[in-house]
Amino acid sequence: MSDTVDTGVIRVFGTGATRDTAAGKLDYEGFLSPAVLQRFAEYMHKNRIQSDGSLRDSDNWQKGIPRTAYMKSLWRHLMHVWTLHRSSAYVTAEMEDALCACLFNVSGYLHELLKEKR
């Protein structure tokens, strides 16, 4: 049980320390899964090696990829996920990679959309 009281105006911790209320603040720790972020980072790191053997920067995608390219890639990976899902003998690592690929494309598409909005 928590020794914190949140009045909606301030939080009072069991130690007597106070902070503003947590109400209305984004809860990144609650919204995100460390296991998913770690697996996604592993997938992204593995895929930094390009077909010519060179290593691309981890943030290379932030330079800009057209939304149409993200959408086409997303559909290819989504079809892979769906095919694996329908198979009773799929390999977990293959499904994890396919889901990470979908996550990359969704994130990249959203990144480009948010850039345009700014």
N, C-alpha and C. Protein backbone atom coordinates (compact mmCIF):
# COMPACT_ATOMS: atom_id res chain seq x y z
N MET A 1 0.84 -1.18 0.00
CA MET A 1 0.00 0.00 0.00
C MET A 1 0.89 1.24 0.00
N SER A 2 0.47 2.26 -0.73
CA SER A 2 1.25 3.48 -0.87
C SER A 2 1.12 4.36 0.36
N ASP A 3 2.22 4.98 0.72
CA ASP A 3 2.18 5.94 1.82
C ASP A 3 2.11 7.37 1.27
N THR A 4 1.58 7.49 0.05
CA THR A 4 1.43 8.79 -0.60
C THR A 4 -0.05 9.17 -0.64
N VAL A 5 -0.34 10.41 -0.31
CA VAL A 5 -1.69 10.95 -0.41
C VAL A 5 -1.68 12.00 -1.49
N ASP A 6 -2.52 11.83 -2.52
CA ASP A 6 -2.63 12.80 -3.60
C ASP A 6 -3.98 13.47 -3.47
N THR A 7 -3.99 14.73 -3.09
CA THR A 7 -5.25 15.47 -2.85
C THR A 7 -5.87 16.00 -4.13
N GLY A 8 -5.16 15.84 -5.24
CA GLY A 8 -5.61 16.45 -6.49
C GLY A 8 -4.99 17.82 -6.67
N VAL A 9 -4.37 18.33 -5.62
CA VAL A 9 -3.65 19.60 -5.69
C VAL A 9 -2.17 19.37 -5.39
N ILE A 10 -1.90 18.60 -4.33
CA ILE A 10 -0.52 18.24 -4.00
C ILE A 10 -0.47 16.77 -3.61
N ARG A 11 0.74 16.21 -3.71
CA ARG A 11 1.00 14.88 -3.19
C ARG A 11 1.82 15.04 -1.92
N VAL A 12 1.43 14.29 -0.91
CA VAL A 12 2.19 14.29 0.34
C VAL A 12 2.69 12.87 0.55
N PHE A 13 4.02 12.71 0.58
CA PHE A 13 4.63 11.40 0.75
C PHE A 13 4.74 11.08 2.24
N GLY A 14 4.86 9.82 2.55
CA GLY A 14 4.96 9.37 3.94
C GLY A 14 6.11 10.03 4.69
N THR A 15 7.09 10.48 3.96
CA THR A 15 8.24 11.14 4.59
C THR A 15 7.96 12.59 4.96
N GLY A 16 6.84 13.11 4.42
CA GLY A 16 6.52 14.52 4.63
C GLY A 16 6.85 15.38 3.42
N ALA A 17 7.61 14.83 2.46
CA ALA A 17 7.93 15.58 1.24
C ALA A 17 6.66 15.81 0.44
N THR A 18 6.62 16.93 -0.29
CA THR A 18 5.43 17.25 -1.10
C THR A 18 5.83 17.53 -2.54
N ARG A 19 4.91 17.27 -3.44
CA ARG A 19 5.06 17.57 -4.87
C ARG A 19 3.69 17.96 -5.39
N ASP A 20 3.69 18.55 -6.61
CA ASP A 20 2.41 18.80 -7.27
C ASP A 20 1.68 17.48 -7.48
N THR A 21 0.39 17.55 -7.69
CA THR A 21 -0.40 16.36 -7.94
C THR A 21 0.08 15.63 -9.20
N ALA A 22 -0.13 14.34 -9.24
CA ALA A 22 0.19 13.55 -10.43
C ALA A 22 -0.98 13.55 -11.41
N ALA A 23 -2.13 14.02 -10.96
CA ALA A 23 -3.34 14.02 -11.80
C ALA A 23 -3.11 14.83 -13.07
N GLY A 24 -3.47 14.24 -14.19
CA GLY A 24 -3.38 14.92 -15.47
C GLY A 24 -2.00 14.87 -16.11
N LYS A 25 -1.02 14.28 -15.45
CA LYS A 25 0.32 14.19 -16.01
C LYS A 25 0.48 12.88 -16.77
N LEU A 26 1.23 12.93 -17.86
CA LEU A 26 1.46 11.73 -18.65
C LEU A 26 2.26 10.71 -17.84
N ASP A 27 1.83 9.47 -17.88
CA ASP A 27 2.46 8.40 -17.10
C ASP A 27 3.25 7.47 -18.02
N TYR A 28 4.39 7.95 -18.48
CA TYR A 28 5.22 7.16 -19.39
C TYR A 28 5.56 5.80 -18.79
N GLU A 29 5.88 5.78 -17.52
CA GLU A 29 6.26 4.52 -16.85
C GLU A 29 5.12 3.52 -16.90
N GLY A 30 3.90 4.00 -16.82
CA GLY A 30 2.75 3.10 -16.87
C GLY A 30 2.33 2.74 -18.28
N PHE A 31 2.54 3.65 -19.22
CA PHE A 31 2.08 3.44 -20.59
C PHE A 31 3.00 2.54 -21.40
N LEU A 32 4.27 2.49 -21.02
CA LEU A 32 5.25 1.77 -21.82
C LEU A 32 5.75 0.52 -21.09
N SER A 33 6.12 -0.46 -21.87
CA SER A 33 6.65 -1.71 -21.32
C SER A 33 8.17 -1.75 -21.53
N PRO A 34 8.95 -1.84 -20.44
CA PRO A 34 10.40 -1.94 -20.61
C PRO A 34 10.81 -3.15 -21.44
N ALA A 35 10.09 -4.24 -21.31
CA ALA A 35 10.42 -5.45 -22.08
C ALA A 35 10.22 -5.20 -23.57
N VAL A 36 9.15 -4.50 -23.94
CA VAL A 36 8.89 -4.19 -25.34
C VAL A 36 9.94 -3.23 -25.86
N LEU A 37 10.27 -2.18 -25.08
CA LEU A 37 11.27 -1.22 -25.53
C LEU A 37 12.64 -1.87 -25.70
N GLN A 38 12.99 -2.79 -24.80
CA GLN A 38 14.28 -3.48 -24.93
C GLN A 38 14.30 -4.35 -26.18
N ARG A 39 13.22 -5.11 -26.40
CA ARG A 39 13.17 -5.99 -27.59
C ARG A 39 13.19 -5.17 -28.87
N PHE A 40 12.49 -4.02 -28.87
CA PHE A 40 12.48 -3.15 -30.03
C PHE A 40 13.88 -2.59 -30.28
N ALA A 41 14.58 -2.17 -29.23
CA ALA A 41 15.94 -1.65 -29.37
C ALA A 41 16.87 -2.73 -29.92
N GLU A 42 16.70 -3.97 -29.47
CA GLU A 42 17.51 -5.07 -29.98
C GLU A 42 17.26 -5.27 -31.47
N TYR A 43 15.98 -5.22 -31.87
CA TYR A 43 15.61 -5.35 -33.28
C TYR A 43 16.22 -4.21 -34.10
N MET A 44 16.08 -2.99 -33.59
CA MET A 44 16.60 -1.83 -34.32
C MET A 44 18.12 -1.91 -34.44
N HIS A 45 18.79 -2.30 -33.37
CA HIS A 45 20.25 -2.41 -33.41
C HIS A 45 20.68 -3.45 -34.44
N LYS A 46 20.02 -4.58 -34.44
CA LYS A 46 20.35 -5.65 -35.39
C LYS A 46 20.18 -5.17 -36.84
N ASN A 47 19.19 -4.32 -37.06
CA ASN A 47 18.88 -3.86 -38.41
C ASN A 47 19.62 -2.57 -38.80
N ARG A 48 20.57 -2.14 -37.99
CA ARG A 48 21.42 -1.00 -38.36
C ARG A 48 22.43 -1.39 -39.42
N ILE A 49 22.72 -2.69 -39.52
CA ILE A 49 23.69 -3.16 -40.51
C ILE A 49 22.99 -3.20 -41.87
N GLN A 50 23.52 -2.41 -42.80
CA GLN A 50 22.90 -2.29 -44.11
C GLN A 50 23.40 -3.38 -45.05
N SER A 51 22.75 -3.52 -46.19
CA SER A 51 23.09 -4.59 -47.14
C SER A 51 24.52 -4.50 -47.64
N ASP A 52 25.13 -3.29 -47.62
CA ASP A 52 26.53 -3.17 -48.04
C ASP A 52 27.50 -3.39 -46.87
N GLY A 53 26.98 -3.74 -45.68
CA GLY A 53 27.80 -4.02 -44.53
C GLY A 53 28.08 -2.82 -43.64
N SER A 54 27.73 -1.63 -44.09
CA SER A 54 27.98 -0.43 -43.28
C SER A 54 26.93 -0.33 -42.16
N LEU A 55 27.30 0.42 -41.13
CA LEU A 55 26.43 0.59 -39.97
C LEU A 55 25.80 1.96 -40.01
N ARG A 56 24.48 2.01 -40.05
CA ARG A 56 23.79 3.30 -40.09
C ARG A 56 23.61 3.81 -38.66
N ASP A 57 23.53 5.14 -38.49
CA ASP A 57 23.27 5.74 -37.19
C ASP A 57 21.91 5.28 -36.68
N SER A 58 21.82 5.14 -35.37
CA SER A 58 20.56 4.66 -34.78
C SER A 58 19.40 5.60 -35.05
N ASP A 59 19.68 6.90 -35.21
CA ASP A 59 18.61 7.87 -35.46
C ASP A 59 18.49 8.26 -36.93
N ASN A 60 19.09 7.47 -37.81
CA ASN A 60 19.08 7.76 -39.24
C ASN A 60 17.67 7.97 -39.78
N TRP A 61 16.71 7.21 -39.30
CA TRP A 61 15.33 7.30 -39.79
C TRP A 61 14.72 8.68 -39.51
N GLN A 62 15.24 9.39 -38.52
CA GLN A 62 14.68 10.70 -38.18
C GLN A 62 15.04 11.77 -39.21
N LYS A 63 15.93 11.45 -40.13
CA LYS A 63 16.25 12.39 -41.21
C LYS A 63 15.06 12.55 -42.14
N GLY A 64 14.19 11.57 -42.15
CA GLY A 64 12.98 11.68 -42.97
C GLY A 64 12.83 10.55 -43.96
N ILE A 65 11.76 9.85 -43.84
CA ILE A 65 11.37 8.79 -44.78
C ILE A 65 9.93 9.12 -45.17
N PRO A 66 9.60 9.08 -46.45
CA PRO A 66 8.23 9.42 -46.85
C PRO A 66 7.19 8.50 -46.19
N ARG A 67 6.06 9.08 -45.85
CA ARG A 67 4.99 8.30 -45.22
C ARG A 67 4.55 7.15 -46.11
N THR A 68 4.60 7.34 -47.42
CA THR A 68 4.21 6.25 -48.33
C THR A 68 5.14 5.05 -48.18
N ALA A 69 6.43 5.31 -47.96
CA ALA A 69 7.38 4.21 -47.77
C ALA A 69 7.08 3.47 -46.47
N TYR A 70 6.78 4.23 -45.39
CA TYR A 70 6.39 3.60 -44.13
C TYR A 70 5.14 2.74 -44.31
N MET A 71 4.15 3.27 -45.04
CA MET A 71 2.89 2.55 -45.21
C MET A 71 3.09 1.26 -45.98
N LYS A 72 3.85 1.32 -47.06
CA LYS A 72 4.08 0.09 -47.85
C LYS A 72 4.83 -0.96 -47.03
N SER A 73 5.84 -0.52 -46.28
CA SER A 73 6.60 -1.44 -45.44
C SER A 73 5.73 -1.99 -44.31
N LEU A 74 4.91 -1.13 -43.72
CA LEU A 74 4.01 -1.56 -42.65
C LEU A 74 3.09 -2.67 -43.14
N TRP A 75 2.52 -2.53 -44.33
CA TRP A 75 1.63 -3.56 -44.84
C TRP A 75 2.37 -4.88 -45.10
N ARG A 76 3.60 -4.78 -45.61
CA ARG A 76 4.36 -6.02 -45.82
C ARG A 76 4.59 -6.74 -44.49
N HIS A 77 4.99 -5.99 -43.48
CA HIS A 77 5.26 -6.60 -42.18
C HIS A 77 3.97 -7.04 -41.49
N LEU A 78 2.91 -6.29 -41.67
CA LEU A 78 1.62 -6.69 -41.09
C LEU A 78 1.14 -8.00 -41.71
N MET A 79 1.33 -8.16 -43.01
CA MET A 79 0.96 -9.42 -43.67
C MET A 79 1.81 -10.57 -43.11
N HIS A 80 3.07 -10.29 -42.81
CA HIS A 80 3.95 -11.30 -42.22
C HIS A 80 3.43 -11.69 -40.83
N VAL A 81 3.09 -10.68 -40.02
CA VAL A 81 2.53 -10.94 -38.68
C VAL A 81 1.26 -11.77 -38.80
N TRP A 82 0.39 -11.39 -39.70
CA TRP A 82 -0.90 -12.08 -39.86
C TRP A 82 -0.68 -13.53 -40.29
N THR A 83 0.24 -13.73 -41.23
CA THR A 83 0.54 -15.09 -41.70
C THR A 83 1.10 -15.93 -40.55
N LEU A 84 2.02 -15.36 -39.78
CA LEU A 84 2.57 -16.08 -38.63
C LEU A 84 1.48 -16.36 -37.60
N HIS A 85 0.63 -15.39 -37.37
CA HIS A 85 -0.48 -15.54 -36.41
C HIS A 85 -1.39 -16.71 -36.81
N ARG A 86 -1.64 -16.84 -38.09
CA ARG A 86 -2.52 -17.90 -38.59
C ARG A 86 -1.85 -19.27 -38.59
N SER A 87 -0.53 -19.28 -38.51
CA SER A 87 0.21 -20.53 -38.52
C SER A 87 0.29 -21.07 -37.09
N SER A 88 0.11 -22.35 -36.95
CA SER A 88 0.18 -22.94 -35.61
C SER A 88 1.62 -23.27 -35.22
N ALA A 89 2.54 -23.09 -36.14
CA ALA A 89 3.93 -23.50 -35.87
C ALA A 89 4.91 -22.36 -36.05
N TYR A 90 4.46 -21.12 -35.81
CA TYR A 90 5.38 -20.02 -36.03
C TYR A 90 6.46 -19.95 -34.95
N VAL A 91 7.58 -19.37 -35.33
CA VAL A 91 8.72 -19.21 -34.42
C VAL A 91 8.55 -17.89 -33.68
N THR A 92 8.64 -17.92 -32.37
CA THR A 92 8.43 -16.72 -31.55
C THR A 92 9.35 -15.58 -31.95
N ALA A 93 10.63 -15.85 -32.16
CA ALA A 93 11.58 -14.79 -32.52
C ALA A 93 11.20 -14.14 -33.84
N GLU A 94 10.71 -14.93 -34.78
CA GLU A 94 10.28 -14.39 -36.07
C GLU A 94 9.07 -13.47 -35.88
N MET A 95 8.13 -13.88 -35.03
CA MET A 95 6.96 -13.04 -34.74
C MET A 95 7.39 -11.76 -34.04
N GLU A 96 8.31 -11.88 -33.09
CA GLU A 96 8.80 -10.68 -32.39
C GLU A 96 9.42 -9.70 -33.37
N ASP A 97 10.25 -10.19 -34.28
CA ASP A 97 10.86 -9.31 -35.28
C ASP A 97 9.80 -8.67 -36.17
N ALA A 98 8.83 -9.44 -36.59
CA ALA A 98 7.78 -8.91 -37.46
C ALA A 98 6.96 -7.84 -36.73
N LEU A 99 6.68 -8.05 -35.46
CA LEU A 99 5.95 -7.04 -34.67
C LEU A 99 6.80 -5.79 -34.47
N CYS A 100 8.10 -5.98 -34.23
CA CYS A 100 9.00 -4.83 -34.10
C CYS A 100 9.05 -4.03 -35.40
N ALA A 101 9.05 -4.72 -36.53
CA ALA A 101 9.05 -4.05 -37.83
C ALA A 101 7.78 -3.21 -37.99
N CYS A 102 6.65 -3.75 -37.56
CA CYS A 102 5.39 -2.99 -37.61
C CYS A 102 5.49 -1.77 -36.70
N LEU A 103 6.04 -1.96 -35.50
CA LEU A 103 6.19 -0.87 -34.55
C LEU A 103 7.08 0.23 -35.13
N PHE A 104 8.16 -0.15 -35.79
CA PHE A 104 9.05 0.83 -36.42
C PHE A 104 8.29 1.66 -37.44
N ASN A 105 7.54 0.99 -38.30
CA ASN A 105 6.83 1.71 -39.36
C ASN A 105 5.71 2.58 -38.82
N VAL A 106 5.00 2.11 -37.82
CA VAL A 106 3.95 2.93 -37.19
C VAL A 106 4.59 4.15 -36.53
N SER A 107 5.68 3.95 -35.80
CA SER A 107 6.36 5.05 -35.13
C SER A 107 6.91 6.06 -36.13
N GLY A 108 7.52 5.55 -37.20
CA GLY A 108 8.07 6.44 -38.22
C GLY A 108 7.00 7.25 -38.92
N TYR A 109 5.89 6.61 -39.24
CA TYR A 109 4.78 7.31 -39.89
C TYR A 109 4.26 8.42 -38.97
N LEU A 110 4.07 8.07 -37.69
CA LEU A 110 3.59 9.06 -36.73
C LEU A 110 4.61 10.19 -36.57
N HIS A 111 5.90 9.86 -36.54
CA HIS A 111 6.96 10.86 -36.44
C HIS A 111 6.84 11.87 -37.60
N GLU A 112 6.69 11.36 -38.82
CA GLU A 112 6.57 12.24 -39.99
C GLU A 112 5.31 13.09 -39.91
N LEU A 113 4.22 12.51 -39.47
CA LEU A 113 2.96 13.25 -39.33
C LEU A 113 3.11 14.37 -38.30
N LEU A 114 3.75 14.08 -37.18
CA LEU A 114 3.95 15.09 -36.14
C LEU A 114 4.91 16.18 -36.60
N LYS A 115 5.93 15.81 -37.40
CA LYS A 115 6.84 16.82 -37.96
C LYS A 115 6.08 17.80 -38.86
N GLU A 116 5.19 17.27 -39.68
CA GLU A 116 4.40 18.11 -40.58
C GLU A 116 3.47 19.05 -39.79
N LYS A 117 2.98 18.54 -38.68
CA LYS A 117 2.04 19.31 -37.85
C LYS A 117 2.74 20.51 -37.21
N ARG A 118 4.03 20.34 -36.86
CA ARG A 118 4.78 21.43 -36.25
C ARG A 118 5.02 22.46 -37.26
